[in-house]
Amino acid sequence: MGVLEFYFLPLFLAIICSTSWLVFFYFYTPKATTKLFFLLETLFFGICLGIITAAIESFLIKKIFFLFNLSPMLFTYFQDFRQIIIVGIFSFLISAPIEELFKFLFLIQFFFKRKKYFDQIVDGIKVGVYFGLGFVLAENYLHFLNYYWSLPFKDFFWIFAVRLIIPTLAHSLYGAIAGYYLALGMFNEEKKDLFLKRGVLACLLFHGNFNFLLFTPFSLPSLFLLSIVLIIVIIWFHQKRNLELKSFD
């Protein structure tokens, strides 16, 4: 096995995951509302931030596991209520805040420095989706790189299928929520702070709840939550007010 094969195959699978949802959103959202090169630029920056955030998150989690003598099996086999509490702490106080605050802080700068590319609220939602899919492309690549060569094909295929359907979609929706509220803030200067706070809170709560439900015995409701938010985002894409042309003048 060559070096190229070792690194390329996990990357190819990660690209498949993000591309699949890009195709989905292409067919189920309004066409030609946002410049393609701008969306691709957003995707690229999402990948870059995904790599940086994954490195920081991995470092912090390893330190916490070492300091408190915790085992990764806490997220797999539940034997007592203490484990559920620990998963809740990781979901709401570590994973979701690190990822969503980094993304939101970056997107605030990204949005307000590129106002000329925005003339509809739907532009913000699309940019958020592309950014989220870029972010999770990096995350999926690191997961696949870790598991592809160490697990039997059957086990790895299960991980690939789950990440294709669940986390990849989830990150696109985190991005859509952030993009929606950031666009509302851009076009409503007097209420900008209010919309930004709502956006951060919505992303943190959705991400935290989703992770908590997914990694506990209550995993089935996480899919229900994901479906509800997907429906809301599709509705946002087609609401008349989100398609109206706006100006910053």
Protein backbone atom coordinates (compact mmCIF):
# COMPACT_ATOMS: atom_id res chain seq x y z
CA MET A 1 0.00 0.00 0.00
CA GLY A 2 1.46 3.34 -1.05
CA VAL A 3 1.36 6.65 0.77
CA LEU A 4 -0.99 8.09 -1.88
CA GLU A 5 -3.48 5.27 -1.40
CA PHE A 6 -3.29 5.56 2.40
CA TYR A 7 -4.28 9.23 2.35
CA PHE A 8 -6.38 9.43 -0.82
CA LEU A 9 -9.04 6.77 -0.18
CA PRO A 10 -10.26 8.27 3.14
CA LEU A 11 -10.25 11.70 1.47
CA PHE A 12 -12.29 10.36 -1.46
CA LEU A 13 -14.89 8.92 0.94
CA ALA A 14 -15.06 12.19 2.88
CA ILE A 15 -15.65 14.07 -0.39
CA ILE A 16 -18.46 11.64 -1.26
CA CYS A 17 -20.18 12.42 2.06
CA SER A 18 -20.17 16.19 1.57
CA THR A 19 -20.87 16.04 -2.17
CA SER A 20 -23.94 13.85 -1.61
CA TRP A 21 -25.56 16.51 0.56
CA LEU A 22 -24.43 19.31 -1.76
CA VAL A 23 -26.36 17.55 -4.53
CA PHE A 24 -29.36 17.17 -2.22
CA PHE A 25 -29.42 20.86 -1.35
CA TYR A 26 -28.88 21.79 -5.00
CA PHE A 27 -32.11 20.06 -6.00
CA TYR A 28 -34.18 21.13 -2.99
CA THR A 29 -33.15 24.79 -2.74
CA PRO A 30 -33.56 27.82 -5.04
CA LYS A 31 -31.12 27.93 -7.96
CA ALA A 32 -28.80 30.75 -9.07
CA THR A 33 -29.25 32.90 -5.97
CA THR A 34 -25.60 32.93 -4.88
CA LYS A 35 -22.41 33.11 -6.96
CA LEU A 36 -20.82 29.67 -7.31
CA PHE A 37 -17.24 30.85 -6.77
CA PHE A 38 -18.31 32.45 -3.49
CA LEU A 39 -19.90 29.20 -2.33
CA LEU A 40 -16.77 27.24 -3.27
CA GLU A 41 -14.64 29.75 -1.39
CA THR A 42 -16.89 29.19 1.62
CA LEU A 43 -16.50 25.42 1.27
CA PHE A 44 -12.70 25.78 1.23
CA PHE A 45 -12.63 27.93 4.36
CA GLY A 46 -14.93 25.44 6.06
CA ILE A 47 -12.41 22.66 5.35
CA CYS A 48 -9.56 24.76 6.74
CA LEU A 49 -11.42 25.65 9.94
CA GLY A 50 -12.55 22.03 10.30
CA ILE A 51 -8.92 20.85 10.39
CA ILE A 52 -7.91 23.50 12.94
CA THR A 53 -10.92 22.89 15.17
CA ALA A 54 -10.54 19.10 15.04
CA ALA A 55 -6.91 19.43 16.19
CA ILE A 56 -7.85 21.70 19.10
CA GLU A 57 -10.82 19.56 20.12
CA SER A 58 -8.81 16.34 19.94
CA PHE A 59 -6.04 17.83 22.08
CA LEU A 60 -8.46 19.07 24.75
CA ILE A 61 -10.44 15.83 24.90
CA LYS A 62 -7.27 13.73 25.26
CA LYS A 63 -6.11 16.00 28.08
CA ILE A 64 -9.47 15.74 29.86
CA PHE A 65 -9.58 11.96 29.46
CA PHE A 66 -6.06 11.72 30.88
CA LEU A 67 -6.65 14.11 33.81
CA PHE A 68 -9.87 12.43 34.92
CA ASN A 69 -8.85 8.90 33.96
CA LEU A 70 -11.81 8.47 31.58
CA SER A 71 -12.22 5.84 28.90
CA PRO A 72 -13.58 6.36 25.35
CA MET A 73 -15.85 3.39 26.11
CA LEU A 74 -17.98 5.87 28.10
CA PHE A 75 -19.55 6.79 24.76
CA THR A 76 -20.27 3.18 23.81
CA TYR A 77 -21.42 1.05 26.72
CA PHE A 78 -23.69 2.64 29.31
CA GLN A 79 -23.84 1.07 32.73
CA ASP A 80 -24.88 3.88 35.06
CA PHE A 81 -26.28 7.39 35.23
CA ARG A 82 -22.80 8.87 35.78
CA GLN A 83 -21.85 8.03 32.21
CA ILE A 84 -24.86 9.91 30.84
CA ILE A 85 -23.87 12.97 32.90
CA ILE A 86 -20.33 12.84 31.50
CA VAL A 87 -21.63 12.57 27.93
CA GLY A 88 -23.87 15.57 28.63
CA ILE A 89 -20.88 17.60 29.85
CA PHE A 90 -18.86 16.70 26.76
CA SER A 91 -21.81 17.44 24.45
CA PHE A 92 -22.90 20.80 25.89
CA LEU A 93 -19.70 22.20 27.43
CA ILE A 94 -16.90 20.88 25.20
CA SER A 95 -17.79 19.59 21.73
CA ALA A 96 -20.63 21.94 20.76
CA PRO A 97 -19.08 25.16 22.16
CA ILE A 98 -15.65 24.53 20.63
CA GLU A 99 -17.00 23.78 17.16
CA GLU A 100 -19.90 26.23 17.00
CA LEU A 101 -18.15 29.22 18.59
CA PHE A 102 -15.14 28.83 16.28
CA LYS A 103 -17.46 28.58 13.28
CA PHE A 104 -19.63 31.50 14.35
CA LEU A 105 -16.69 33.79 15.08
CA PHE A 106 -15.20 33.00 11.67
CA LEU A 107 -18.50 33.39 9.83
CA ILE A 108 -19.20 36.78 11.42
CA GLN A 109 -15.97 38.14 9.92
CA PHE A 110 -16.54 36.28 6.66
CA PHE A 111 -20.10 37.58 6.22
CA PHE A 112 -19.56 41.21 7.09
CA LYS A 113 -16.39 41.54 4.99
CA ARG A 114 -18.22 40.14 1.94
CA LYS A 115 -21.49 42.04 2.09
CA LYS A 116 -21.37 42.71 -1.64
CA TYR A 117 -22.15 39.04 -2.33
CA PHE A 118 -25.34 39.09 -0.26
CA ASP A 119 -28.66 40.48 -1.43
CA GLN A 120 -31.02 37.83 -0.03
CA ILE A 121 -31.34 36.05 3.29
CA VAL A 122 -31.21 32.78 1.35
CA ASP A 123 -27.61 33.66 0.42
CA GLY A 124 -26.69 33.43 4.08
CA ILE A 125 -28.37 30.04 4.47
CA LYS A 126 -26.57 28.66 1.40
CA VAL A 127 -23.21 29.97 2.55
CA GLY A 128 -23.81 28.36 5.95
CA VAL A 129 -24.63 25.01 4.34
CA TYR A 130 -21.48 25.05 2.19
CA PHE A 131 -19.36 26.11 5.15
CA GLY A 132 -20.80 23.33 7.30
CA LEU A 133 -20.20 20.72 4.59
CA GLY A 134 -16.62 21.91 4.19
CA PHE A 135 -16.12 21.73 7.95
CA VAL A 136 -17.47 18.19 8.19
CA LEU A 137 -15.47 17.09 5.13
CA ALA A 138 -12.32 17.70 7.18
CA GLU A 139 -13.85 15.99 10.21
CA ASN A 140 -14.94 12.95 8.17
CA TYR A 141 -11.53 12.68 6.54
CA LEU A 142 -9.80 12.51 9.93
CA HIS A 143 -12.29 9.88 11.12
CA PHE A 144 -11.91 7.77 7.98
CA LEU A 145 -8.12 8.10 8.05
CA ASN A 146 -8.19 6.78 11.60
CA TYR A 147 -10.54 3.84 10.97
CA TYR A 148 -10.17 2.83 7.31
CA TRP A 149 -6.97 0.83 7.73
CA SER A 150 -7.56 -0.41 11.30
CA LEU A 151 -11.04 -1.93 11.05
CA PRO A 152 -12.52 -4.81 9.03
CA PHE A 153 -14.34 -3.59 5.93
CA LYS A 154 -17.77 -4.44 7.36
CA ASP A 155 -17.19 -2.34 10.47
CA PHE A 156 -15.71 0.54 8.52
CA PHE A 157 -18.58 0.52 6.02
CA TRP A 158 -21.00 0.94 8.94
CA ILE A 159 -19.02 3.97 10.19
CA PHE A 160 -18.98 5.43 6.67
CA ALA A 161 -22.75 4.97 6.22
CA VAL A 162 -23.55 6.51 9.60
CA ARG A 163 -21.29 9.54 9.04
CA LEU A 164 -22.67 10.01 5.51
CA ILE A 165 -26.28 10.11 6.70
CA ILE A 166 -26.11 11.65 10.18
CA PRO A 167 -23.09 13.84 11.15
CA THR A 168 -22.62 15.20 7.61
CA LEU A 169 -26.23 16.35 7.42
CA ALA A 170 -26.07 17.66 10.98
CA HIS A 171 -23.10 19.92 10.22
CA SER A 172 -24.76 21.29 7.11
CA LEU A 173 -27.76 22.23 9.28
CA TYR A 174 -25.59 23.83 11.98
CA GLY A 175 -24.15 25.96 9.19
CA ALA A 176 -27.58 26.75 7.75
CA ILE A 177 -28.81 27.99 11.14
CA ALA A 178 -25.71 30.15 11.63
CA GLY A 179 -26.00 31.53 8.09
CA TYR A 180 -29.69 32.31 8.50
CA TYR A 181 -29.23 34.36 11.66
CA LEU A 182 -26.08 36.06 10.38
CA ALA A 183 -27.97 37.14 7.24
CA LEU A 184 -30.84 38.44 9.38
CA GLY A 185 -28.28 40.41 11.37
CA MET A 186 -26.69 41.87 8.25
CA PHE A 187 -30.00 43.09 6.85
CA ASN A 188 -31.36 44.34 10.20
CA GLU A 189 -28.59 46.51 11.59
CA GLU A 190 -30.64 47.74 14.56
CA LYS A 191 -31.28 44.14 15.66
CA LYS A 192 -27.92 42.70 14.63
CA ASP A 193 -26.77 41.80 18.14
CA LEU A 194 -30.08 40.13 18.93
CA PHE A 195 -29.96 37.93 15.82
CA LEU A 196 -26.30 37.01 16.40
CA LYS A 197 -27.05 35.94 19.97
CA ARG A 198 -30.05 33.91 18.79
CA GLY A 199 -27.91 32.26 16.13
CA VAL A 200 -25.16 31.25 18.55
CA LEU A 201 -27.69 29.95 21.08
CA ALA A 202 -29.63 28.00 18.43
CA CYS A 203 -26.45 26.34 17.10
CA LEU A 204 -25.19 25.46 20.57
CA LEU A 205 -28.51 23.98 21.69
CA PHE A 206 -29.07 22.01 18.48
CA HIS A 207 -25.52 20.67 18.37
CA GLY A 208 -25.40 19.91 22.09
CA ASN A 209 -28.77 18.16 22.14
CA PHE A 210 -28.01 16.23 18.98
CA ASN A 211 -24.66 14.94 20.30
CA PHE A 212 -26.13 14.10 23.70
CA LEU A 213 -29.02 12.12 22.25
CA LEU A 214 -26.79 10.39 19.70
CA PHE A 215 -24.25 9.15 22.25
CA THR A 216 -26.71 7.98 24.91
CA PRO A 217 -29.35 5.22 24.95
CA PHE A 218 -31.76 7.89 23.60
CA SER A 219 -30.18 7.91 20.12
CA LEU A 220 -33.42 7.49 18.15
CA PRO A 221 -34.78 10.96 19.10
CA SER A 222 -31.58 12.47 17.63
CA LEU A 223 -32.76 11.37 14.17
CA PHE A 224 -36.17 12.89 14.81
CA LEU A 225 -34.49 16.17 15.86
CA LEU A 226 -32.35 16.10 12.72
CA SER A 227 -35.41 15.54 10.50
CA ILE A 228 -37.32 18.42 12.09
CA VAL A 229 -34.44 20.87 11.64
CA LEU A 230 -33.94 19.73 8.02
CA ILE A 231 -37.60 20.46 7.29
CA ILE A 232 -37.27 23.91 8.92
CA VAL A 233 -34.19 24.73 6.83
CA ILE A 234 -35.91 23.64 3.59
CA ILE A 235 -38.84 25.88 4.52
CA TRP A 236 -36.43 28.78 5.14
CA PHE A 237 -34.99 28.29 1.67
CA HIS A 238 -38.40 28.74 0.07
CA GLN A 239 -39.96 31.44 2.27
CA LYS A 240 -40.82 34.50 0.21
CA ARG A 241 -39.21 36.94 2.66
CA ASN A 242 -35.89 35.07 2.44
CA LEU A 243 -35.89 35.36 -1.36
CA GLU A 244 -36.63 39.09 -1.48
CA LEU A 245 -33.80 41.28 -2.79
CA LYS A 246 -32.36 43.52 -0.09
CA SER A 247 -29.93 46.39 0.16
CA PHE A 248 -27.49 47.72 2.76
CA ASP A 249 -28.08 51.35 1.77
